[in-house]
Amino acid sequence: NVASKYSMLNRLDFQEEDYRSWWIKELDAGKGYQAAVC
């Protein structure tokens, strides 16, 4: 999900896993950098 700074996956088609288990947050890594944690 690019629109939100913190959200679950939008979709996951892998071994019947539930995409709603995974949450991702954008992190502030400073100017010139991009970061995220899951």
PDB file of all heavy atoms in Angstrom:
ATOM      1  N   ASN A   1       0.852  -1.192   0.000  1.00  0.00           N
ATOM      2  CA  ASN A   1       0.000   0.000   0.000  1.00  0.00           C
ATOM      3  C   ASN A   1       0.884   1.237   0.000  1.00  0.00           C
ATOM      4  O   ASN A   1       1.543   1.521   0.994  1.00  0.00           O
ATOM      5  CB  ASN A   1      -0.914  -0.025   1.226  1.00  0.00           C
ATOM      6  CG  ASN A   1      -1.964   1.072   1.190  1.00  0.00           C
ATOM      7  OD1 ASN A   1      -1.741   2.146   0.654  1.00  0.00           O
ATOM      8  ND2 ASN A   1      -3.119   0.791   1.770  1.00  0.00           N
ATOM      9  N   VAL A   2       0.905   1.946  -1.104  1.00  0.00           N
ATOM     10  CA  VAL A   2       1.777   3.117  -1.221  1.00  0.00           C
ATOM     11  C   VAL A   2       1.110   4.358  -0.658  1.00  0.00           C
ATOM     12  O   VAL A   2       1.767   5.298  -0.218  1.00  0.00           O
ATOM     13  CB  VAL A   2       2.175   3.356  -2.694  1.00  0.00           C
ATOM     14  CG1 VAL A   2       3.186   4.478  -2.809  1.00  0.00           C
ATOM     15  CG2 VAL A   2       2.748   2.091  -3.289  1.00  0.00           C
ATOM     16  N   ALA A   3      -0.206   4.378  -0.640  1.00  0.00           N
ATOM     17  CA  ALA A   3      -0.945   5.570  -0.216  1.00  0.00           C
ATOM     18  C   ALA A   3      -0.867   5.807   1.286  1.00  0.00           C
ATOM     19  O   ALA A   3      -1.038   6.936   1.756  1.00  0.00           O
ATOM     20  CB  ALA A   3      -2.407   5.457  -0.649  1.00  0.00           C
ATOM     21  N   SER A   4      -0.616   4.750   2.061  1.00  0.00           N
ATOM     22  CA  SER A   4      -0.624   4.866   3.516  1.00  0.00           C
ATOM     23  C   SER A   4       0.781   4.656   4.077  1.00  0.00           C
ATOM     24  O   SER A   4       1.536   3.831   3.581  1.00  0.00           O
ATOM     25  CB  SER A   4      -1.571   3.819   4.117  1.00  0.00           C
ATOM     26  OG  SER A   4      -1.496   3.833   5.521  1.00  0.00           O
ATOM     27  N   LYS A   5       1.110   5.416   5.133  1.00  0.00           N
ATOM     28  CA  LYS A   5       2.416   5.267   5.774  1.00  0.00           C
ATOM     29  C   LYS A   5       2.496   4.005   6.629  1.00  0.00           C
ATOM     30  O   LYS A   5       3.576   3.518   6.938  1.00  0.00           O
ATOM     31  CB  LYS A   5       2.742   6.504   6.612  1.00  0.00           C
ATOM     32  CG  LYS A   5       3.036   7.752   5.786  1.00  0.00           C
ATOM     33  CD  LYS A   5       3.483   8.897   6.660  1.00  0.00           C
ATOM     34  CE  LYS A   5       3.832  10.127   5.834  1.00  0.00           C
ATOM     35  NZ  LYS A   5       4.987   9.900   4.957  1.00  0.00           N
ATOM     36  N   TYR A   6       1.317   3.489   7.049  1.00  0.00           N
ATOM     37  CA  TYR A   6       1.305   2.250   7.838  1.00  0.00           C
ATOM     38  C   TYR A   6       0.046   1.470   7.505  1.00  0.00           C
ATOM     39  O   TYR A   6      -1.072   1.947   7.728  1.00  0.00           O
ATOM     40  CB  TYR A   6       1.353   2.551   9.332  1.00  0.00           C
ATOM     41  CG  TYR A   6       1.373   1.291  10.193  1.00  0.00           C
ATOM     42  CD1 TYR A   6       2.322   0.297   9.954  1.00  0.00           C
ATOM     43  CD2 TYR A   6       0.464   1.091  11.218  1.00  0.00           C
ATOM     44  CE1 TYR A   6       2.361  -0.864  10.721  1.00  0.00           C
ATOM     45  CE2 TYR A   6       0.499  -0.060  11.992  1.00  0.00           C
ATOM     46  CZ  TYR A   6       1.445  -1.025  11.742  1.00  0.00           C
ATOM     47  OH  TYR A   6       1.486  -2.176  12.496  1.00  0.00           O
ATOM     48  N   SER A   7       0.222   0.293   6.941  1.00  0.00           N
ATOM     49  CA  SER A   7      -0.934  -0.506   6.537  1.00  0.00           C
ATOM     50  C   SER A   7      -0.504  -1.953   6.312  1.00  0.00           C
ATOM     51  O   SER A   7       0.685  -2.267   6.229  1.00  0.00           O
ATOM     52  CB  SER A   7      -1.548   0.048   5.257  1.00  0.00           C
ATOM     53  OG  SER A   7      -0.635  -0.083   4.179  1.00  0.00           O
ATOM     54  N   MET A   8      -1.488  -2.834   6.181  1.00  0.00           N
ATOM     55  CA  MET A   8      -1.216  -4.217   5.833  1.00  0.00           C
ATOM     56  C   MET A   8      -0.975  -4.337   4.331  1.00  0.00           C
ATOM     57  O   MET A   8      -1.207  -3.383   3.573  1.00  0.00           O
ATOM     58  CB  MET A   8      -2.388  -5.108   6.248  1.00  0.00           C
ATOM     59  CG  MET A   8      -3.667  -4.881   5.475  1.00  0.00           C
ATOM     60  SD  MET A   8      -5.019  -5.975   5.969  1.00  0.00           S
ATOM     61  CE  MET A   8      -5.389  -5.333   7.597  1.00  0.00           C
ATOM     62  N   LEU A   9      -0.484  -5.481   3.905  1.00  0.00           N
ATOM     63  CA  LEU A   9      -0.352  -5.742   2.478  1.00  0.00           C
ATOM     64  C   LEU A   9      -1.711  -5.615   1.797  1.00  0.00           C
ATOM     65  O   LEU A   9      -2.753  -5.876   2.402  1.00  0.00           O
ATOM     66  CB  LEU A   9       0.183  -7.155   2.235  1.00  0.00           C
ATOM     67  CG  LEU A   9       1.668  -7.442   2.464  1.00  0.00           C
ATOM     68  CD1 LEU A   9       1.947  -8.902   2.128  1.00  0.00           C
ATOM     69  CD2 LEU A   9       2.553  -6.542   1.631  1.00  0.00           C
ATOM     70  N   ASN A  10      -1.693  -5.229   0.535  1.00  0.00           N
ATOM     71  CA  ASN A  10      -2.939  -5.190  -0.246  1.00  0.00           C
ATOM     72  C   ASN A  10      -3.315  -6.567  -0.781  1.00  0.00           C
ATOM     73  O   ASN A  10      -4.494  -6.886  -0.934  1.00  0.00           O
ATOM     74  CB  ASN A  10      -2.795  -4.238  -1.432  1.00  0.00           C
ATOM     75  CG  ASN A  10      -2.929  -2.789  -1.017  1.00  0.00           C
ATOM     76  OD1 ASN A  10      -3.374  -2.489   0.086  1.00  0.00           O
ATOM     77  ND2 ASN A  10      -2.543  -1.889  -1.905  1.00  0.00           N
ATOM     78  N   ARG A  11      -2.283  -7.381  -1.068  1.00  0.00           N
ATOM     79  CA  ARG A  11      -2.525  -8.686  -1.696  1.00  0.00           C
ATOM     80  C   ARG A  11      -1.304  -9.556  -1.502  1.00  0.00           C
ATOM     81  O   ARG A  11      -0.184  -9.063  -1.465  1.00  0.00           O
ATOM     82  CB  ARG A  11      -2.791  -8.498  -3.198  1.00  0.00           C
ATOM     83  CG  ARG A  11      -2.959  -9.803  -4.002  1.00  0.00           C
ATOM     84  CD  ARG A  11      -3.127  -9.480  -5.499  1.00  0.00           C
ATOM     85  NE  ARG A  11      -1.935  -8.875  -6.058  1.00  0.00           N
ATOM     86  CZ  ARG A  11      -0.940  -9.568  -6.626  1.00  0.00           C
ATOM     87  NH1 ARG A  11      -0.991 -10.884  -6.689  1.00  0.00           N
ATOM     88  NH2 ARG A  11       0.108  -8.935  -7.143  1.00  0.00           N
ATOM     89  N   LEU A  12      -1.516 -10.879  -1.364  1.00  0.00           N
ATOM     90  CA  LEU A  12      -0.419 -11.828  -1.292  1.00  0.00           C
ATOM     91  C   LEU A  12      -0.877 -13.157  -1.878  1.00  0.00           C
ATOM     92  O   LEU A  12      -1.735 -13.831  -1.304  1.00  0.00           O
ATOM     93  CB  LEU A  12       0.035 -12.032   0.163  1.00  0.00           C
ATOM     94  CG  LEU A  12       1.110 -13.106   0.401  1.00  0.00           C
ATOM     95  CD1 LEU A  12       2.373 -12.816  -0.395  1.00  0.00           C
ATOM     96  CD2 LEU A  12       1.421 -13.223   1.894  1.00  0.00           C
ATOM     97  N   ASP A  13      -0.329 -13.515  -3.022  1.00  0.00           N
ATOM     98  CA  ASP A  13      -0.639 -14.788  -3.674  1.00  0.00           C
ATOM     99  C   ASP A  13       0.567 -15.710  -3.571  1.00  0.00           C
ATOM    100  O   ASP A  13       1.322 -15.882  -4.525  1.00  0.00           O
ATOM    101  CB  ASP A  13      -1.015 -14.566  -5.149  1.00  0.00           C
ATOM    102  CG  ASP A  13      -2.269 -13.734  -5.296  1.00  0.00           C
ATOM    103  OD1 ASP A  13      -3.154 -13.826  -4.420  1.00  0.00           O
ATOM    104  OD2 ASP A  13      -2.385 -12.986  -6.284  1.00  0.00           O
ATOM    105  N   PHE A  14       0.758 -16.281  -2.378  1.00  0.00           N
ATOM    106  CA  PHE A  14       1.910 -17.143  -2.143  1.00  0.00           C
ATOM    107  C   PHE A  14       1.543 -18.176  -1.089  1.00  0.00           C
ATOM    108  O   PHE A  14       1.273 -17.835   0.077  1.00  0.00           O
ATOM    109  CB  PHE A  14       3.115 -16.323  -1.677  1.00  0.00           C
ATOM    110  CG  PHE A  14       4.375 -17.124  -1.493  1.00  0.00           C
ATOM    111  CD1 PHE A  14       5.094 -17.568  -2.588  1.00  0.00           C
ATOM    112  CD2 PHE A  14       4.819 -17.450  -0.221  1.00  0.00           C
ATOM    113  CE1 PHE A  14       6.252 -18.314  -2.417  1.00  0.00           C
ATOM    114  CE2 PHE A  14       5.978 -18.187  -0.036  1.00  0.00           C
ATOM    115  CZ  PHE A  14       6.685 -18.632  -1.145  1.00  0.00           C
ATOM    116  N   GLN A  15       1.515 -19.426  -1.483  1.00  0.00           N
ATOM    117  CA  GLN A  15       1.275 -20.551  -0.583  1.00  0.00           C
ATOM    118  C   GLN A  15       0.053 -20.350   0.311  1.00  0.00           C
ATOM    119  O   GLN A  15       0.040 -20.737   1.482  1.00  0.00           O
ATOM    120  CB  GLN A  15       2.519 -20.812   0.274  1.00  0.00           C
ATOM    121  CG  GLN A  15       3.742 -21.226  -0.540  1.00  0.00           C
ATOM    122  CD  GLN A  15       4.941 -21.557   0.318  1.00  0.00           C
ATOM    123  OE1 GLN A  15       4.953 -21.348   1.531  1.00  0.00           O
ATOM    124  NE2 GLN A  15       5.991 -22.068  -0.310  1.00  0.00           N
ATOM    125  N   GLU A  16      -0.981 -19.716  -0.240  1.00  0.00           N
ATOM    126  CA  GLU A  16      -2.250 -19.518   0.460  1.00  0.00           C
ATOM    127  C   GLU A  16      -2.087 -18.769   1.786  1.00  0.00           C
ATOM    128  O   GLU A  16      -2.888 -18.928   2.720  1.00  0.00           O
ATOM    129  CB  GLU A  16      -2.959 -20.858   0.694  1.00  0.00           C
ATOM    130  CG  GLU A  16      -3.279 -21.589  -0.606  1.00  0.00           C
ATOM    131  CD  GLU A  16      -4.043 -22.872  -0.361  1.00  0.00           C
ATOM    132  OE1 GLU A  16      -4.255 -23.244   0.807  1.00  0.00           O
ATOM    133  OE2 GLU A  16      -4.439 -23.503  -1.361  1.00  0.00           O
ATOM    134  N   GLU A  17      -1.065 -17.944   1.885  1.00  0.00           N
ATOM    135  CA  GLU A  17      -0.876 -17.152   3.103  1.00  0.00           C
ATOM    136  C   GLU A  17      -1.867 -15.996   3.145  1.00  0.00           C
ATOM    137  O   GLU A  17      -2.305 -15.493   2.121  1.00  0.00           O
ATOM    138  CB  GLU A  17       0.561 -16.607   3.169  1.00  0.00           C
ATOM    139  CG  GLU A  17       1.606 -17.663   3.417  1.00  0.00           C
ATOM    140  CD  GLU A  17       2.962 -17.054   3.744  1.00  0.00           C
ATOM    141  OE1 GLU A  17       3.001 -15.936   4.271  1.00  0.00           O
ATOM    142  OE2 GLU A  17       3.972 -17.701   3.455  1.00  0.00           O
ATOM    143  N   ASP A  18      -2.177 -15.547   4.358  1.00  0.00           N
ATOM    144  CA  ASP A  18      -3.118 -14.454   4.565  1.00  0.00           C
ATOM    145  C   ASP A  18      -2.365 -13.123   4.545  1.00  0.00           C
ATOM    146  O   ASP A  18      -1.514 -12.870   5.405  1.00  0.00           O
ATOM    147  CB  ASP A  18      -3.832 -14.636   5.902  1.00  0.00           C
ATOM    148  CG  ASP A  18      -4.956 -13.617   6.110  1.00  0.00           C
ATOM    149  OD1 ASP A  18      -5.116 -12.728   5.261  1.00  0.00           O
ATOM    150  OD2 ASP A  18      -5.655 -13.733   7.126  1.00  0.00           O
ATOM    151  N   TYR A  19      -2.671 -12.286   3.565  1.00  0.00           N
ATOM    152  CA  TYR A  19      -1.975 -11.000   3.446  1.00  0.00           C
ATOM    153  C   TYR A  19      -2.261 -10.099   4.653  1.00  0.00           C
ATOM    154  O   TYR A  19      -1.474  -9.197   4.966  1.00  0.00           O
ATOM    155  CB  TYR A  19      -2.394 -10.286   2.152  1.00  0.00           C
ATOM    156  CG  TYR A  19      -3.822  -9.780   2.136  1.00  0.00           C
ATOM    157  CD1 TYR A  19      -4.127  -8.484   2.550  1.00  0.00           C
ATOM    158  CD2 TYR A  19      -4.873 -10.582   1.709  1.00  0.00           C
ATOM    159  CE1 TYR A  19      -5.433  -8.019   2.542  1.00  0.00           C
ATOM    160  CE2 TYR A  19      -6.171 -10.126   1.689  1.00  0.00           C
ATOM    161  CZ  TYR A  19      -6.450  -8.845   2.107  1.00  0.00           C
ATOM    162  OH  TYR A  19      -7.741  -8.385   2.096  1.00  0.00           O
ATOM    163  N   ARG A  20      -3.360 -10.345   5.348  1.00  0.00           N
ATOM    164  CA  ARG A  20      -3.738  -9.482   6.473  1.00  0.00           C
ATOM    165  C   ARG A  20      -2.851  -9.676   7.694  1.00  0.00           C
ATOM    166  O   ARG A  20      -2.968  -8.936   8.671  1.00  0.00           O
ATOM    167  CB  ARG A  20      -5.202  -9.738   6.842  1.00  0.00           C
ATOM    168  CG  ARG A  20      -6.173  -9.279   5.758  1.00  0.00           C
ATOM    169  CD  ARG A  20      -7.577  -9.769   6.004  1.00  0.00           C
ATOM    170  NE  ARG A  20      -7.644 -11.234   5.928  1.00  0.00           N
ATOM    171  CZ  ARG A  20      -8.782 -11.929   5.999  1.00  0.00           C
ATOM    172  NH1 ARG A  20      -9.927 -11.292   6.152  1.00  0.00           N
ATOM    173  NH2 ARG A  20      -8.765 -13.249   5.913  1.00  0.00           N
ATOM    174  N   SER A  21      -1.945 -10.662   7.632  1.00  0.00           N
ATOM    175  CA  SER A  21      -1.012 -10.876   8.745  1.00  0.00           C
ATOM    176  C   SER A  21       0.169  -9.912   8.703  1.00  0.00           C
ATOM    177  O   SER A  21       0.868  -9.747   9.714  1.00  0.00           O
ATOM    178  CB  SER A  21      -0.471 -12.311   8.712  1.00  0.00           C
ATOM    179  OG  SER A  21      -1.502 -13.248   8.822  1.00  0.00           O
ATOM    180  N   TRP A  22       0.404  -9.294   7.543  1.00  0.00           N
ATOM    181  CA  TRP A  22       1.631  -8.528   7.350  1.00  0.00           C
ATOM    182  C   TRP A  22       1.351  -7.030   7.343  1.00  0.00           C
ATOM    183  O   TRP A  22       0.517  -6.547   6.591  1.00  0.00           O
ATOM    184  CB  TRP A  22       2.307  -8.937   6.041  1.00  0.00           C
ATOM    185  CG  TRP A  22       2.722 -10.365   6.053  1.00  0.00           C
ATOM    186  CD1 TRP A  22       2.039 -11.435   5.543  1.00  0.00           C
ATOM    187  CD2 TRP A  22       3.917 -10.893   6.632  1.00  0.00           C
ATOM    188  NE1 TRP A  22       2.737 -12.597   5.755  1.00  0.00           N
ATOM    189  CE2 TRP A  22       3.890 -12.302   6.425  1.00  0.00           C
ATOM    190  CE3 TRP A  22       5.003 -10.336   7.297  1.00  0.00           C
ATOM    191  CZ2 TRP A  22       4.907 -13.129   6.860  1.00  0.00           C
ATOM    192  CZ3 TRP A  22       6.017 -11.168   7.734  1.00  0.00           C
ATOM    193  CH2 TRP A  22       5.968 -12.546   7.513  1.00  0.00           C
ATOM    194  N   TRP A  23       2.110  -6.307   8.161  1.00  0.00           N
ATOM    195  CA  TRP A  23       1.957  -4.858   8.305  1.00  0.00           C
ATOM    196  C   TRP A  23       3.279  -4.164   7.975  1.00  0.00           C
ATOM    197  O   TRP A  23       4.342  -4.611   8.412  1.00  0.00           O
ATOM    198  CB  TRP A  23       1.528  -4.509   9.726  1.00  0.00           C
ATOM    199  CG  TRP A  23       0.120  -4.926  10.017  1.00  0.00           C
ATOM    200  CD1 TRP A  23      -0.315  -6.187  10.345  1.00  0.00           C
ATOM    201  CD2 TRP A  23      -1.034  -4.096   9.982  1.00  0.00           C
ATOM    202  NE1 TRP A  23      -1.670  -6.181  10.516  1.00  0.00           N
ATOM    203  CE2 TRP A  23      -2.146  -4.921  10.305  1.00  0.00           C
ATOM    204  CE3 TRP A  23      -1.256  -2.744   9.721  1.00  0.00           C
ATOM    205  CZ2 TRP A  23      -3.450  -4.425  10.372  1.00  0.00           C
ATOM    206  CZ3 TRP A  23      -2.543  -2.249   9.790  1.00  0.00           C
ATOM    207  CH2 TRP A  23      -3.621  -3.088  10.112  1.00  0.00           C
ATOM    208  N   ILE A  24       3.189  -3.068   7.223  1.00  0.00           N
ATOM    209  CA  ILE A  24       4.395  -2.363   6.768  1.00  0.00           C
ATOM    210  C   ILE A  24       4.278  -0.879   7.097  1.00  0.00           C
ATOM    211  O   ILE A  24       3.232  -0.258   6.863  1.00  0.00           O
ATOM    212  CB  ILE A  24       4.600  -2.532   5.252  1.00  0.00           C
ATOM    213  CG1 ILE A  24       4.612  -4.014   4.869  1.00  0.00           C
ATOM    214  CG2 ILE A  24       5.916  -1.873   4.820  1.00  0.00           C
ATOM    215  CD1 ILE A  24       4.698  -4.257   3.380  1.00  0.00           C
ATOM    216  N   LYS A  25       5.366  -0.323   7.607  1.00  0.00           N
ATOM    217  CA  LYS A  25       5.402   1.102   7.964  1.00  0.00           C
ATOM    218  C   LYS A  25       6.578   1.797   7.293  1.00  0.00           C
ATOM    219  O   LYS A  25       7.694   1.275   7.288  1.00  0.00           O
ATOM    220  CB  LYS A  25       5.523   1.275   9.480  1.00  0.00           C
ATOM    221  CG  LYS A  25       5.607   2.739   9.934  1.00  0.00           C
ATOM    222  CD  LYS A  25       5.672   2.855  11.437  1.00  0.00           C
ATOM    223  CE  LYS A  25       5.893   4.300  11.881  1.00  0.00           C
ATOM    224  NZ  LYS A  25       4.834   5.212  11.383  1.00  0.00           N
ATOM    225  N   GLU A  26       6.311   2.978   6.734  1.00  0.00           N
ATOM    226  CA  GLU A  26       7.392   3.818   6.223  1.00  0.00           C
ATOM    227  C   GLU A  26       8.188   4.391   7.390  1.00  0.00           C
ATOM    228  O   GLU A  26       7.629   4.730   8.434  1.00  0.00           O
ATOM    229  CB  GLU A  26       6.825   4.971   5.390  1.00  0.00           C
ATOM    230  CG  GLU A  26       6.185   4.564   4.085  1.00  0.00           C
ATOM    231  CD  GLU A  26       5.606   5.753   3.333  1.00  0.00           C
ATOM    232  OE1 GLU A  26       6.025   6.908   3.621  1.00  0.00           O
ATOM    233  OE2 GLU A  26       4.731   5.544   2.484  1.00  0.00           O
ATOM    234  N   LEU A  27       9.503   4.503   7.206  1.00  0.00           N
ATOM    235  CA  LEU A  27      10.378   5.071   8.225  1.00  0.00           C
ATOM    236  C   LEU A  27      11.063   6.316   7.689  1.00  0.00           C
ATOM    237  O   LEU A  27      11.335   6.425   6.487  1.00  0.00           O
ATOM    238  CB  LEU A  27      11.447   4.054   8.635  1.00  0.00           C
ATOM    239  CG  LEU A  27      10.957   2.730   9.220  1.00  0.00           C
ATOM    240  CD1 LEU A  27      12.148   1.801   9.454  1.00  0.00           C
ATOM    241  CD2 LEU A  27      10.188   2.943  10.503  1.00  0.00           C
ATOM    242  N   ASP A  28      11.351   7.250   8.572  1.00  0.00           N
ATOM    243  CA  ASP A  28      12.094   8.453   8.204  1.00  0.00           C
ATOM    244  C   ASP A  28      13.583   8.152   8.358  1.00  0.00           C
ATOM    245  O   ASP A  28      14.092   8.046   9.476  1.00  0.00           O
ATOM    246  CB  ASP A  28      11.681   9.616   9.094  1.00  0.00           C
ATOM    247  CG  ASP A  28      12.407  10.919   8.728  1.00  0.00           C
ATOM    248  OD1 ASP A  28      13.146  10.926   7.714  1.00  0.00           O
ATOM    249  OD2 ASP A  28      12.235  11.915   9.456  1.00  0.00           O
ATOM    250  N   ALA A  29      14.277   8.028   7.233  1.00  0.00           N
ATOM    251  CA  ALA A  29      15.712   7.713   7.267  1.00  0.00           C
ATOM    252  C   ALA A  29      16.569   8.926   6.914  1.00  0.00           C
ATOM    253  O   ALA A  29      17.775   8.797   6.756  1.00  0.00           O
ATOM    254  CB  ALA A  29      16.018   6.559   6.314  1.00  0.00           C
ATOM    255  N   GLY A  30      15.939  10.079   6.769  1.00  0.00           N
ATOM    256  CA  GLY A  30      16.692  11.276   6.439  1.00  0.00           C
ATOM    257  C   GLY A  30      16.640  11.615   4.956  1.00  0.00           C
ATOM    258  O   GLY A  30      16.207  10.818   4.128  1.00  0.00           O
ATOM    259  N   LYS A  31      17.093  12.805   4.626  1.00  0.00           N
ATOM    260  CA  LYS A  31      17.049  13.303   3.254  1.00  0.00           C
ATOM    261  C   LYS A  31      17.848  12.400   2.320  1.00  0.00           C
ATOM    262  O   LYS A  31      18.985  12.026   2.608  1.00  0.00           O
ATOM    263  CB  LYS A  31      17.602  14.722   3.189  1.00  0.00           C
ATOM    264  CG  LYS A  31      17.478  15.368   1.821  1.00  0.00           C
ATOM    265  CD  LYS A  31      17.978  16.796   1.840  1.00  0.00           C
ATOM    266  CE  LYS A  31      17.841  17.447   0.469  1.00  0.00           C
ATOM    267  NZ  LYS A  31      18.332  18.851   0.462  1.00  0.00           N
ATOM    268  N   GLY A  32      17.231  12.051   1.195  1.00  0.00           N
ATOM    269  CA  GLY A  32      17.901  11.234   0.197  1.00  0.00           C
ATOM    270  C   GLY A  32      17.765   9.745   0.414  1.00  0.00           C
ATOM    271  O   GLY A  32      18.293   8.957  -0.373  1.00  0.00           O
ATOM    272  N   TYR A  33      17.051   9.341   1.469  1.00  0.00           N
ATOM    273  CA  TYR A  33      16.881   7.923   1.782  1.00  0.00           C
ATOM    274  C   TYR A  33      15.398   7.584   1.928  1.00  0.00           C
ATOM    275  O   TYR A  33      14.581   8.442   2.248  1.00  0.00           O
ATOM    276  CB  TYR A  33      17.593   7.557   3.089  1.00  0.00           C
ATOM    277  CG  TYR A  33      19.095   7.574   3.000  1.00  0.00           C
ATOM    278  CD1 TYR A  33      19.804   8.765   3.153  1.00  0.00           C
ATOM    279  CD2 TYR A  33      19.813   6.413   2.771  1.00  0.00           C
ATOM    280  CE1 TYR A  33      21.187   8.792   3.075  1.00  0.00           C
ATOM    281  CE2 TYR A  33      21.203   6.426   2.694  1.00  0.00           C
ATOM    282  CZ  TYR A  33      21.884   7.619   2.850  1.00  0.00           C
ATOM    283  OH  TYR A  33      23.259   7.640   2.772  1.00  0.00           O
ATOM    284  N   GLN A  34      15.090   6.334   1.704  1.00  0.00           N
ATOM    285  CA  GLN A  34      13.754   5.799   1.954  1.00  0.00           C
ATOM    286  C   GLN A  34      13.928   4.511   2.748  1.00  0.00           C
ATOM    287  O   GLN A  34      14.869   3.745   2.510  1.00  0.00           O
ATOM    288  CB  GLN A  34      13.034   5.509   0.644  1.00  0.00           C
ATOM    289  CG  GLN A  34      11.556   5.211   0.797  1.00  0.00           C
ATOM    290  CD  GLN A  34      10.757   6.427   1.243  1.00  0.00           C
ATOM    291  OE1 GLN A  34      10.151   6.416   2.305  1.00  0.00           O
ATOM    292  NE2 GLN A  34      10.760   7.459   0.445  1.00  0.00           N
ATOM    293  N   ALA A  35      13.012   4.248   3.686  1.00  0.00           N
ATOM    294  CA  ALA A  35      13.127   3.056   4.509  1.00  0.00           C
ATOM    295  C   ALA A  35      11.742   2.565   4.918  1.00  0.00           C
ATOM    296  O   ALA A  35      10.772   3.321   4.927  1.00  0.00           O
ATOM    297  CB  ALA A  35      13.976   3.325   5.754  1.00  0.00           C
ATOM    298  N   ALA A  36      11.663   1.275   5.276  1.00  0.00           N
ATOM    299  CA  ALA A  36      10.406   0.674   5.719  1.00  0.00           C
ATOM    300  C   ALA A  36      10.700  -0.504   6.625  1.00  0.00           C
ATOM    301  O   ALA A  36      11.763  -1.134   6.537  1.00  0.00           O
ATOM    302  CB  ALA A  36       9.571   0.227   4.524  1.00  0.00           C
ATOM    303  N   VAL A  37       9.726  -0.810   7.500  1.00  0.00           N
ATOM    304  CA  VAL A  37       9.818  -1.973   8.372  1.00  0.00           C
ATOM    305  C   VAL A  37       8.543  -2.789   8.225  1.00  0.00           C
ATOM    306  O   VAL A  37       7.464  -2.234   8.030  1.00  0.00           O
ATOM    307  CB  VAL A  37      10.030  -1.561   9.855  1.00  0.00           C
ATOM    308  CG1 VAL A  37       8.878  -0.717  10.366  1.00  0.00           C
ATOM    309  CG2 VAL A  37      10.257  -2.782  10.733  1.00  0.00           C
ATOM    310  N   CYS A  38       8.671  -4.110   8.290  1.00  0.00           N
ATOM    311  CA  CYS A  38       7.530  -5.007   8.133  1.00  0.00           C
ATOM    312  C   CYS A  38       7.504  -6.012   9.285  1.00  0.00           C
ATOM    313  O   CYS A  38       8.547  -6.531   9.691  1.00  0.00           O
ATOM    314  CB  CYS A  38       7.617  -5.743   6.795  1.00  0.00           C
ATOM    315  SG  CYS A  38       6.301  -6.953   6.532  1.00  0.00           S
TER     316      CYS A  38
END
